[in-house]
Amino acid sequence: MSALRPTFTRLTSSLRPSLTSALRPTLTPTQSPILIQSRSVNAHVGAGLKEITIVKDNFRISLELRKEANKYLNMSQKHKSAFVPPARGSITDPTSFLTAIGRDCVTVADKFPDWDSIFTMTSKAMNEAGIKPPMRKYILSWREWYRRGAEPYEVKIRPRQQHYKKARAIIDLARKRRAGLA
């Protein structure tokens, strides 16, 4: 028995780095701010506070909204897909939701006749309705964030950097020098 123990210890110590990296959470605050904040809010709930605002990574969430988000996060996958959050704040209909998330999503507002249709329409149904894949993916991701309690805002697409322009300018200058024009 004692001969097996060092071998077992060596195996676990050699596996430990891979196990800890596999168990390390892979979600970053920008991907899931609500999951990361759950422990700090529950401590405040026990203290008897009625209204608290949590600020983390540009999200402001009230305690009441946090409770709703926790209910959603604790649902089974079947119930999550059928969950339609209530309209809140200035977001009352599909048009205002699509306007708030930006990126010209308001152009497809006629595809969603009512509030429930935004949250129940599948990706395949959106495809059949004629919504292009990048916009469909953007709407689906914001739909999930709204269910989790985040207030929608426009996420701008960064313009691509055009490194070739510097190289092109150097080549053009070299050509002009060779021709005697520069």
N, C-alpha and C. Protein backbone atom coordinates (compact mmCIF):
# COMPACT_ATOMS: atom_id res chain seq x y z
N MET A 1 0.82 -1.19 0.00
CA MET A 1 0.00 0.00 0.00
C MET A 1 0.86 1.25 0.00
N SER A 2 1.94 1.23 0.78
CA SER A 2 2.81 2.41 0.83
C SER A 2 3.55 2.59 -0.49
N ALA A 3 3.75 1.51 -1.24
CA ALA A 3 4.42 1.62 -2.53
C ALA A 3 3.52 2.31 -3.55
N LEU A 4 2.21 2.17 -3.41
CA LEU A 4 1.28 2.79 -4.34
C LEU A 4 1.08 4.27 -4.06
N ARG A 5 1.22 4.66 -2.80
CA ARG A 5 0.94 6.04 -2.42
C ARG A 5 1.86 7.04 -3.12
N PRO A 6 3.19 6.86 -3.17
CA PRO A 6 4.02 7.83 -3.88
C PRO A 6 3.68 7.92 -5.37
N THR A 7 3.35 6.80 -5.98
CA THR A 7 2.97 6.79 -7.39
C THR A 7 1.70 7.61 -7.59
N PHE A 8 0.73 7.41 -6.68
CA PHE A 8 -0.52 8.14 -6.76
C PHE A 8 -0.27 9.63 -6.59
N THR A 9 0.60 9.99 -5.65
CA THR A 9 0.93 11.39 -5.42
C THR A 9 1.60 11.99 -6.64
N ARG A 10 2.51 11.24 -7.24
CA ARG A 10 3.18 11.74 -8.43
C ARG A 10 2.19 11.94 -9.58
N LEU A 11 1.26 11.02 -9.71
CA LEU A 11 0.28 11.15 -10.78
C LEU A 11 -0.60 12.38 -10.58
N THR A 12 -1.07 12.59 -9.36
CA THR A 12 -1.93 13.74 -9.13
C THR A 12 -1.17 15.04 -9.27
N SER A 13 0.10 15.06 -8.83
CA SER A 13 0.85 16.30 -8.97
C SER A 13 1.18 16.57 -10.44
N SER A 14 1.36 15.52 -11.23
CA SER A 14 1.62 15.75 -12.65
C SER A 14 0.35 16.13 -13.39
N LEU A 15 -0.80 15.68 -12.89
CA LEU A 15 -2.07 16.03 -13.53
C LEU A 15 -2.64 17.34 -13.01
N ARG A 16 -2.17 17.78 -11.87
CA ARG A 16 -2.75 18.95 -11.23
C ARG A 16 -2.80 20.19 -12.12
N PRO A 17 -1.72 20.56 -12.84
CA PRO A 17 -1.82 21.76 -13.67
C PRO A 17 -2.91 21.65 -14.73
N SER A 18 -3.05 20.49 -15.35
CA SER A 18 -4.08 20.37 -16.38
C SER A 18 -5.47 20.37 -15.77
N LEU A 19 -5.60 19.78 -14.56
CA LEU A 19 -6.91 19.78 -13.93
C LEU A 19 -7.31 21.18 -13.50
N THR A 20 -6.36 21.93 -12.92
CA THR A 20 -6.71 23.28 -12.48
C THR A 20 -7.02 24.18 -13.67
N SER A 21 -6.31 24.00 -14.78
CA SER A 21 -6.63 24.82 -15.94
C SER A 21 -7.97 24.42 -16.53
N ALA A 22 -8.34 23.14 -16.42
CA ALA A 22 -9.64 22.71 -16.93
C ALA A 22 -10.77 23.20 -16.03
N LEU A 23 -10.50 23.32 -14.73
CA LEU A 23 -11.53 23.75 -13.81
C LEU A 23 -11.61 25.26 -13.68
N ARG A 24 -10.60 25.98 -14.17
CA ARG A 24 -10.58 27.43 -14.09
C ARG A 24 -11.74 27.99 -14.90
N PRO A 25 -12.47 28.97 -14.37
CA PRO A 25 -13.58 29.52 -15.14
C PRO A 25 -13.10 30.18 -16.43
N THR A 26 -13.82 29.93 -17.50
CA THR A 26 -13.41 30.47 -18.78
C THR A 26 -14.17 31.73 -19.14
N LEU A 27 -15.13 32.15 -18.33
CA LEU A 27 -15.92 33.33 -18.66
C LEU A 27 -15.20 34.58 -18.19
N THR A 28 -15.16 35.57 -19.03
CA THR A 28 -14.57 36.85 -18.66
C THR A 28 -15.69 37.79 -18.24
N PRO A 29 -15.39 38.88 -17.55
CA PRO A 29 -16.44 39.80 -17.11
C PRO A 29 -17.26 40.37 -18.27
N THR A 30 -16.65 40.55 -19.43
CA THR A 30 -17.42 41.09 -20.54
C THR A 30 -18.36 40.06 -21.12
N GLN A 31 -18.06 38.77 -20.95
CA GLN A 31 -18.95 37.75 -21.46
C GLN A 31 -20.10 37.50 -20.51
N SER A 32 -19.85 37.52 -19.22
CA SER A 32 -20.89 37.18 -18.27
C SER A 32 -20.77 37.99 -16.98
N PRO A 33 -21.16 39.27 -17.00
CA PRO A 33 -21.03 40.07 -15.79
C PRO A 33 -21.99 39.63 -14.70
N ILE A 34 -23.14 39.07 -15.06
CA ILE A 34 -24.14 38.71 -14.07
C ILE A 34 -23.71 37.47 -13.30
N LEU A 35 -23.11 36.50 -13.97
CA LEU A 35 -22.65 35.31 -13.28
C LEU A 35 -21.57 35.63 -12.26
N ILE A 36 -20.71 36.56 -12.57
CA ILE A 36 -19.60 36.90 -11.69
C ILE A 36 -20.08 37.68 -10.47
N GLN A 37 -21.16 38.44 -10.60
CA GLN A 37 -21.61 39.30 -9.53
C GLN A 37 -22.51 38.61 -8.52
N SER A 38 -22.91 37.37 -8.75
CA SER A 38 -23.95 36.75 -7.94
C SER A 38 -23.59 36.65 -6.46
N ARG A 39 -22.36 36.38 -6.11
CA ARG A 39 -21.99 36.21 -4.71
C ARG A 39 -22.09 37.52 -3.94
N SER A 40 -21.65 38.63 -4.53
CA SER A 40 -21.65 39.89 -3.81
C SER A 40 -23.06 40.40 -3.56
N VAL A 41 -23.99 40.13 -4.45
CA VAL A 41 -25.36 40.62 -4.28
C VAL A 41 -26.07 39.85 -3.19
N ASN A 42 -25.88 38.54 -3.13
CA ASN A 42 -26.56 37.74 -2.13
C ASN A 42 -26.17 38.16 -0.71
N ALA A 43 -24.95 38.64 -0.50
CA ALA A 43 -24.54 39.12 0.81
C ALA A 43 -25.33 40.37 1.18
N HIS A 44 -25.61 41.25 0.21
CA HIS A 44 -26.37 42.47 0.47
C HIS A 44 -27.84 42.16 0.72
N VAL A 45 -28.37 41.12 0.09
CA VAL A 45 -29.77 40.76 0.28
C VAL A 45 -30.00 40.35 1.72
N GLY A 46 -29.06 39.58 2.28
CA GLY A 46 -29.19 39.14 3.66
C GLY A 46 -29.09 40.30 4.65
N ALA A 47 -28.43 41.38 4.25
CA ALA A 47 -28.27 42.52 5.14
C ALA A 47 -29.54 43.37 5.24
N GLY A 48 -30.54 43.08 4.41
CA GLY A 48 -31.80 43.80 4.48
C GLY A 48 -31.87 45.03 3.60
N LEU A 49 -30.94 45.23 2.69
CA LEU A 49 -30.99 46.37 1.80
C LEU A 49 -32.04 46.14 0.73
N LYS A 50 -32.83 47.18 0.44
CA LYS A 50 -33.88 47.02 -0.55
C LYS A 50 -33.44 47.45 -1.94
N GLU A 51 -32.64 48.46 -2.04
CA GLU A 51 -32.21 48.95 -3.36
C GLU A 51 -30.71 49.12 -3.36
N ILE A 52 -30.08 48.49 -4.30
CA ILE A 52 -28.64 48.60 -4.45
C ILE A 52 -28.33 48.56 -5.95
N THR A 53 -27.36 49.30 -6.35
CA THR A 53 -26.96 49.29 -7.75
C THR A 53 -25.58 48.70 -7.86
N ILE A 54 -25.44 47.72 -8.71
CA ILE A 54 -24.15 47.08 -8.92
C ILE A 54 -23.56 47.64 -10.19
N VAL A 55 -22.32 48.09 -10.12
CA VAL A 55 -21.65 48.62 -11.29
C VAL A 55 -20.44 47.75 -11.58
N LYS A 56 -20.43 47.11 -12.72
CA LYS A 56 -19.29 46.29 -13.11
C LYS A 56 -19.30 46.20 -14.63
N ASP A 57 -18.20 46.56 -15.24
CA ASP A 57 -18.04 46.45 -16.68
C ASP A 57 -19.19 47.12 -17.45
N ASN A 58 -19.49 48.35 -17.11
CA ASN A 58 -20.48 49.18 -17.80
C ASN A 58 -21.90 48.66 -17.67
N PHE A 59 -22.19 47.81 -16.72
CA PHE A 59 -23.55 47.35 -16.50
C PHE A 59 -24.02 47.87 -15.15
N ARG A 60 -25.20 48.46 -15.14
CA ARG A 60 -25.82 48.89 -13.89
C ARG A 60 -27.06 48.03 -13.71
N ILE A 61 -27.11 47.31 -12.60
CA ILE A 61 -28.21 46.39 -12.37
C ILE A 61 -28.78 46.67 -10.99
N SER A 62 -30.09 46.90 -10.91
CA SER A 62 -30.72 47.10 -9.62
C SER A 62 -30.91 45.74 -8.96
N LEU A 63 -31.18 45.76 -7.67
CA LEU A 63 -31.34 44.52 -6.92
C LEU A 63 -32.55 43.74 -7.41
N GLU A 64 -33.64 44.44 -7.73
CA GLU A 64 -34.84 43.76 -8.21
C GLU A 64 -34.57 43.06 -9.54
N LEU A 65 -33.86 43.74 -10.42
CA LEU A 65 -33.52 43.16 -11.71
C LEU A 65 -32.56 41.99 -11.52
N ARG A 66 -31.70 42.10 -10.54
CA ARG A 66 -30.75 41.03 -10.24
C ARG A 66 -31.47 39.75 -9.81
N LYS A 67 -32.53 39.93 -9.01
CA LYS A 67 -33.31 38.77 -8.56
C LYS A 67 -33.96 38.08 -9.75
N GLU A 68 -34.50 38.87 -10.68
CA GLU A 68 -35.10 38.28 -11.89
C GLU A 68 -34.05 37.55 -12.71
N ALA A 69 -32.86 38.13 -12.81
CA ALA A 69 -31.79 37.50 -13.58
C ALA A 69 -31.37 36.19 -12.93
N ASN A 70 -31.33 36.15 -11.61
CA ASN A 70 -30.99 34.91 -10.92
C ASN A 70 -32.03 33.83 -11.17
N LYS A 71 -33.30 34.22 -11.20
CA LYS A 71 -34.35 33.24 -11.51
C LYS A 71 -34.13 32.66 -12.90
N TYR A 72 -33.80 33.54 -13.83
CA TYR A 72 -33.56 33.07 -15.20
C TYR A 72 -32.35 32.15 -15.27
N LEU A 73 -31.27 32.51 -14.60
CA LEU A 73 -30.05 31.70 -14.64
C LEU A 73 -30.23 30.33 -14.00
N ASN A 74 -31.16 30.22 -13.05
CA ASN A 74 -31.39 28.95 -12.37
C ASN A 74 -32.40 28.06 -13.10
N MET A 75 -32.97 28.52 -14.19
CA MET A 75 -33.93 27.71 -14.95
C MET A 75 -33.22 26.62 -15.73
N SER A 76 -33.98 25.60 -16.09
CA SER A 76 -33.43 24.56 -16.96
C SER A 76 -33.35 25.12 -18.38
N GLN A 77 -32.60 24.46 -19.22
CA GLN A 77 -32.40 24.95 -20.60
C GLN A 77 -33.72 25.03 -21.35
N LYS A 78 -34.60 24.08 -21.11
CA LYS A 78 -35.90 24.06 -21.78
C LYS A 78 -36.72 25.30 -21.40
N HIS A 79 -36.71 25.63 -20.12
CA HIS A 79 -37.47 26.79 -19.66
C HIS A 79 -36.79 28.11 -20.06
N LYS A 80 -35.46 28.11 -20.14
CA LYS A 80 -34.75 29.33 -20.55
C LYS A 80 -35.13 29.73 -21.97
N SER A 81 -35.24 28.76 -22.86
CA SER A 81 -35.54 29.08 -24.25
C SER A 81 -36.97 29.60 -24.42
N ALA A 82 -37.86 29.24 -23.50
CA ALA A 82 -39.25 29.69 -23.58
C ALA A 82 -39.51 30.96 -22.76
N PHE A 83 -38.52 31.42 -21.99
CA PHE A 83 -38.70 32.57 -21.10
C PHE A 83 -38.74 33.87 -21.90
N VAL A 84 -39.79 34.65 -21.66
CA VAL A 84 -39.92 35.97 -22.29
C VAL A 84 -39.89 37.00 -21.16
N PRO A 85 -38.82 37.81 -21.07
CA PRO A 85 -38.74 38.79 -19.98
C PRO A 85 -39.75 39.91 -20.20
N PRO A 86 -40.21 40.52 -19.12
CA PRO A 86 -41.13 41.64 -19.28
C PRO A 86 -40.40 42.86 -19.85
N ALA A 87 -41.13 43.69 -20.56
CA ALA A 87 -40.54 44.93 -21.08
C ALA A 87 -40.24 45.83 -19.89
N ARG A 88 -39.11 46.53 -19.95
CA ARG A 88 -38.73 47.39 -18.83
C ARG A 88 -38.12 48.68 -19.36
N GLY A 89 -38.34 49.75 -18.60
CA GLY A 89 -37.78 51.04 -18.97
C GLY A 89 -38.34 51.56 -20.28
N SER A 90 -37.46 52.08 -21.10
CA SER A 90 -37.89 52.65 -22.37
C SER A 90 -38.06 51.58 -23.45
N ILE A 91 -37.70 50.35 -23.15
CA ILE A 91 -37.82 49.25 -24.11
C ILE A 91 -39.18 48.61 -23.90
N THR A 92 -40.12 48.91 -24.79
CA THR A 92 -41.49 48.41 -24.61
C THR A 92 -41.97 47.55 -25.77
N ASP A 93 -41.32 47.65 -26.91
CA ASP A 93 -41.75 46.89 -28.09
C ASP A 93 -40.52 46.47 -28.89
N PRO A 94 -40.70 45.60 -29.89
CA PRO A 94 -39.55 45.14 -30.67
C PRO A 94 -38.78 46.27 -31.36
N THR A 95 -39.48 47.29 -31.82
CA THR A 95 -38.82 48.39 -32.51
C THR A 95 -37.88 49.14 -31.57
N SER A 96 -38.33 49.41 -30.35
CA SER A 96 -37.45 50.13 -29.40
C SER A 96 -36.28 49.26 -28.97
N PHE A 97 -36.49 47.95 -28.86
CA PHE A 97 -35.38 47.04 -28.52
C PHE A 97 -34.34 47.03 -29.64
N LEU A 98 -34.80 46.90 -30.87
CA LEU A 98 -33.87 46.85 -32.01
C LEU A 98 -33.18 48.19 -32.23
N THR A 99 -33.86 49.28 -31.92
CA THR A 99 -33.24 50.60 -32.02
C THR A 99 -32.15 50.76 -30.96
N ALA A 100 -32.42 50.26 -29.76
CA ALA A 100 -31.46 50.40 -28.66
C ALA A 100 -30.18 49.60 -28.92
N ILE A 101 -30.28 48.43 -29.55
CA ILE A 101 -29.07 47.64 -29.78
C ILE A 101 -28.29 48.13 -30.98
N GLY A 102 -28.91 48.94 -31.83
CA GLY A 102 -28.19 49.60 -32.92
C GLY A 102 -27.86 48.70 -34.09
N ARG A 103 -26.79 49.07 -34.81
CA ARG A 103 -26.30 48.37 -36.00
C ARG A 103 -27.37 48.18 -37.06
N ASP A 104 -28.27 49.13 -37.19
CA ASP A 104 -29.32 49.10 -38.21
C ASP A 104 -30.27 47.92 -38.06
N CYS A 105 -30.40 47.40 -36.85
CA CYS A 105 -31.32 46.27 -36.62
C CYS A 105 -32.77 46.71 -36.73
N VAL A 106 -33.02 48.00 -36.62
CA VAL A 106 -34.39 48.49 -36.72
C VAL A 106 -34.97 48.25 -38.12
N THR A 107 -34.12 47.99 -39.10
CA THR A 107 -34.62 47.73 -40.46
C THR A 107 -35.38 46.41 -40.56
N VAL A 108 -35.16 45.50 -39.59
CA VAL A 108 -35.87 44.22 -39.61
C VAL A 108 -36.97 44.17 -38.55
N ALA A 109 -37.37 45.32 -38.03
CA ALA A 109 -38.38 45.37 -36.98
C ALA A 109 -39.73 44.82 -37.45
N ASP A 110 -40.01 44.93 -38.74
CA ASP A 110 -41.28 44.42 -39.25
C ASP A 110 -41.36 42.89 -39.22
N LYS A 111 -40.25 42.21 -39.05
CA LYS A 111 -40.23 40.74 -38.98
C LYS A 111 -40.71 40.24 -37.61
N PHE A 112 -40.72 41.15 -36.61
CA PHE A 112 -41.15 40.79 -35.25
C PHE A 112 -42.45 41.53 -34.94
N PRO A 113 -43.59 40.88 -35.06
CA PRO A 113 -44.87 41.56 -34.86
C PRO A 113 -45.16 41.98 -33.41
N ASP A 114 -44.68 41.21 -32.44
CA ASP A 114 -44.93 41.56 -31.04
C ASP A 114 -43.72 41.24 -30.18
N TRP A 115 -43.82 41.59 -28.89
CA TRP A 115 -42.70 41.43 -27.96
C TRP A 115 -42.29 39.96 -27.82
N ASP A 116 -43.27 39.07 -27.74
CA ASP A 116 -42.96 37.65 -27.57
C ASP A 116 -42.20 37.08 -28.76
N SER A 117 -42.46 37.59 -29.93
CA SER A 117 -41.81 37.02 -31.13
C SER A 117 -40.30 37.23 -31.12
N ILE A 118 -39.83 38.32 -30.53
CA ILE A 118 -38.37 38.55 -30.47
C ILE A 118 -37.71 37.46 -29.63
N PHE A 119 -38.36 37.03 -28.56
CA PHE A 119 -37.74 36.09 -27.63
C PHE A 119 -38.08 34.64 -27.91
N THR A 120 -39.03 34.38 -28.80
CA THR A 120 -39.38 32.99 -29.10
C THR A 120 -38.95 32.56 -30.49
N MET A 121 -38.64 33.49 -31.37
CA MET A 121 -38.24 33.13 -32.73
C MET A 121 -36.86 32.49 -32.72
N THR A 122 -36.74 31.36 -33.38
CA THR A 122 -35.45 30.66 -33.44
C THR A 122 -34.58 31.25 -34.54
N SER A 123 -33.34 30.84 -34.55
CA SER A 123 -32.40 31.31 -35.57
C SER A 123 -32.86 30.87 -36.96
N LYS A 124 -33.37 29.66 -37.04
CA LYS A 124 -33.85 29.15 -38.33
C LYS A 124 -35.05 29.96 -38.83
N ALA A 125 -35.95 30.32 -37.90
CA ALA A 125 -37.11 31.13 -38.28
C ALA A 125 -36.68 32.53 -38.72
N MET A 126 -35.65 33.07 -38.06
CA MET A 126 -35.13 34.38 -38.47
C MET A 126 -34.51 34.29 -39.86
N ASN A 127 -33.83 33.20 -40.12
CA ASN A 127 -33.23 32.98 -41.44
C ASN A 127 -34.31 32.92 -42.51
N GLU A 128 -35.40 32.20 -42.23
CA GLU A 128 -36.51 32.11 -43.18
C GLU A 128 -37.21 33.45 -43.36
N ALA A 129 -37.16 34.29 -42.32
CA ALA A 129 -37.76 35.63 -42.42
C ALA A 129 -36.89 36.58 -43.23
N GLY A 130 -35.63 36.17 -43.52
CA GLY A 130 -34.77 36.99 -44.36
C GLY A 130 -33.77 37.86 -43.61
N ILE A 131 -33.49 37.54 -42.36
CA ILE A 131 -32.50 38.30 -41.59
C ILE A 131 -31.13 37.69 -41.85
N LYS A 132 -30.18 38.53 -42.25
CA LYS A 132 -28.83 38.07 -42.60
C LYS A 132 -28.10 37.54 -41.36
N PRO A 133 -27.16 36.59 -41.55
CA PRO A 133 -26.48 35.95 -40.42
C PRO A 133 -25.79 36.88 -39.43
N PRO A 134 -25.01 37.90 -39.83
CA PRO A 134 -24.36 38.75 -38.81
C PRO A 134 -25.38 39.48 -37.93
N MET A 135 -26.43 40.00 -38.56
CA MET A 135 -27.45 40.71 -37.79
C MET A 135 -28.23 39.73 -36.91
N ARG A 136 -28.51 38.55 -37.43
CA ARG A 136 -29.23 37.54 -36.68
C ARG A 136 -28.44 37.15 -35.43
N LYS A 137 -27.15 36.94 -35.59
CA LYS A 137 -26.29 36.58 -34.46
C LYS A 137 -26.26 37.69 -33.43
N TYR A 138 -26.21 38.94 -33.88
CA TYR A 138 -26.18 40.09 -32.98
C TYR A 138 -27.49 40.20 -32.21
N ILE A 139 -28.62 40.01 -32.88
CA ILE A 139 -29.93 40.08 -32.22
C ILE A 139 -30.07 38.95 -31.21
N LEU A 140 -29.65 37.75 -31.58
CA LEU A 140 -29.75 36.61 -30.66
C LEU A 140 -28.89 36.81 -29.42
N SER A 141 -27.70 37.38 -29.60
CA SER A 141 -26.85 37.60 -28.41
C SER A 141 -27.44 38.67 -27.50
N TRP A 142 -28.00 39.74 -28.07
CA TRP A 142 -28.60 40.77 -27.24
C TRP A 142 -29.89 40.28 -26.59
N ARG A 143 -30.58 39.39 -27.27
CA ARG A 143 -31.78 38.80 -26.68
C ARG A 143 -31.41 38.05 -25.40
N GLU A 144 -30.32 37.30 -25.44
CA GLU A 144 -29.86 36.56 -24.26
C GLU A 144 -29.42 37.52 -23.15
N TRP A 145 -28.68 38.59 -23.51
CA TRP A 145 -28.23 39.55 -22.50
C TRP A 145 -29.41 40.26 -21.86
N TYR A 146 -30.45 40.56 -22.64
CA TYR A 146 -31.63 41.23 -22.07
C TYR A 146 -32.32 40.30 -21.08
N ARG A 147 -32.38 39.01 -21.39
CA ARG A 147 -32.96 38.04 -20.45
C ARG A 147 -32.17 38.00 -19.15
N ARG A 148 -30.86 38.20 -19.24
CA ARG A 148 -30.01 38.15 -18.05
C ARG A 148 -30.04 39.45 -17.26
N GLY A 149 -30.64 40.49 -17.79
CA GLY A 149 -30.80 41.73 -17.03
C GLY A 149 -30.00 42.90 -17.53
N ALA A 150 -29.24 42.76 -18.59
CA ALA A 150 -28.44 43.87 -19.10
C ALA A 150 -29.31 44.81 -19.93
N GLU A 151 -29.06 46.10 -19.77
CA GLU A 151 -29.77 47.09 -20.58
C GLU A 151 -29.09 47.21 -21.93
N PRO A 152 -29.84 47.16 -23.02
CA PRO A 152 -29.21 47.17 -24.36
C PRO A 152 -28.59 48.51 -24.72
N TYR A 153 -27.48 48.44 -25.42
CA TYR A 153 -26.80 49.60 -25.98
C TYR A 153 -26.09 49.12 -27.23
N GLU A 154 -25.73 50.06 -28.08
CA GLU A 154 -25.09 49.69 -29.35
C GLU A 154 -23.62 49.36 -29.13
N VAL A 155 -23.21 48.23 -29.66
CA VAL A 155 -21.80 47.83 -29.65
C VAL A 155 -21.26 48.09 -31.04
N LYS A 156 -20.41 49.09 -31.14
CA LYS A 156 -19.88 49.49 -32.45
C LYS A 156 -18.90 48.45 -32.98
N ILE A 157 -18.87 48.31 -34.29
CA ILE A 157 -17.88 47.46 -34.93
C ILE A 157 -16.67 48.33 -35.21
N ARG A 158 -15.52 47.90 -34.70
CA ARG A 158 -14.30 48.68 -34.93
C ARG A 158 -13.90 48.60 -36.39
N PRO A 159 -13.49 49.71 -36.97
CA PRO A 159 -13.02 49.65 -38.36
C PRO A 159 -11.72 48.87 -38.45
N ARG A 160 -11.55 48.17 -39.53
CA ARG A 160 -10.33 47.39 -39.72
C ARG A 160 -9.16 48.34 -39.93
N GLN A 161 -8.04 47.99 -39.32
CA GLN A 161 -6.83 48.78 -39.53
C GLN A 161 -6.28 48.45 -40.91
N GLN A 162 -5.83 49.46 -41.59
CA GLN A 162 -5.37 49.26 -42.96
C GLN A 162 -3.86 49.47 -43.02
N HIS A 163 -3.14 48.44 -42.61
CA HIS A 163 -1.68 48.50 -42.56
C HIS A 163 -1.07 48.59 -43.96
N TYR A 164 -1.80 48.12 -44.94
CA TYR A 164 -1.22 48.09 -46.29
C TYR A 164 -0.98 49.50 -46.83
N LYS A 165 -1.66 50.51 -46.30
CA LYS A 165 -1.50 51.87 -46.82
C LYS A 165 -0.08 52.40 -46.58
N LYS A 166 0.51 52.05 -45.42
CA LYS A 166 1.88 52.48 -45.16
C LYS A 166 2.83 51.83 -46.15
N ALA A 167 2.68 50.54 -46.33
CA ALA A 167 3.55 49.81 -47.27
C ALA A 167 3.36 50.34 -48.68
N ARG A 168 2.14 50.63 -49.05
CA ARG A 168 1.85 51.14 -50.38
C ARG A 168 2.51 52.50 -50.59
N ALA A 169 2.49 53.36 -49.56
CA ALA A 169 3.12 54.67 -49.66
C ALA A 169 4.64 54.54 -49.83
N ILE A 170 5.25 53.60 -49.10
CA ILE A 170 6.69 53.38 -49.22
C ILE A 170 7.04 52.90 -50.63
N ILE A 171 6.24 51.99 -51.17
CA ILE A 171 6.49 51.47 -52.52
C ILE A 171 6.32 52.58 -53.56
N ASP A 172 5.27 53.39 -53.41
CA ASP A 172 5.05 54.49 -54.36
C ASP A 172 6.19 55.49 -54.32
N LEU A 173 6.69 55.80 -53.11
CA LEU A 173 7.81 56.72 -52.97
C LEU A 173 9.07 56.15 -53.62
N ALA A 174 9.31 54.85 -53.43
CA ALA A 174 10.48 54.22 -54.06
C ALA A 174 10.37 54.25 -55.58
N ARG A 175 9.18 54.05 -56.12
CA ARG A 175 8.99 54.09 -57.57
C ARG A 175 9.24 55.50 -58.10
N LYS A 176 8.74 56.50 -57.36
CA LYS A 176 8.95 57.89 -57.79
C LYS A 176 10.43 58.26 -57.75
N ARG A 177 11.14 57.82 -56.71
CA ARG A 177 12.58 58.09 -56.62
C ARG A 177 13.33 57.42 -57.77
N ARG A 178 12.95 56.23 -58.09
CA ARG A 178 13.61 55.49 -59.18
C ARG A 178 13.37 56.20 -60.52
N ALA A 179 12.17 56.74 -60.68
CA ALA A 179 11.85 57.45 -61.91
C ALA A 179 12.41 58.87 -61.91
N GLY A 180 12.91 59.32 -60.75
CA GLY A 180 13.48 60.67 -60.66
C GLY A 180 12.44 61.74 -60.42
N LEU A 181 11.26 61.36 -59.99
CA LEU A 181 10.18 62.32 -59.74
C LEU A 181 10.11 62.79 -58.29
N ALA A 182 10.82 62.13 -57.41
CA ALA A 182 10.74 62.51 -56.01
C ALA A 182 12.09 62.92 -55.46
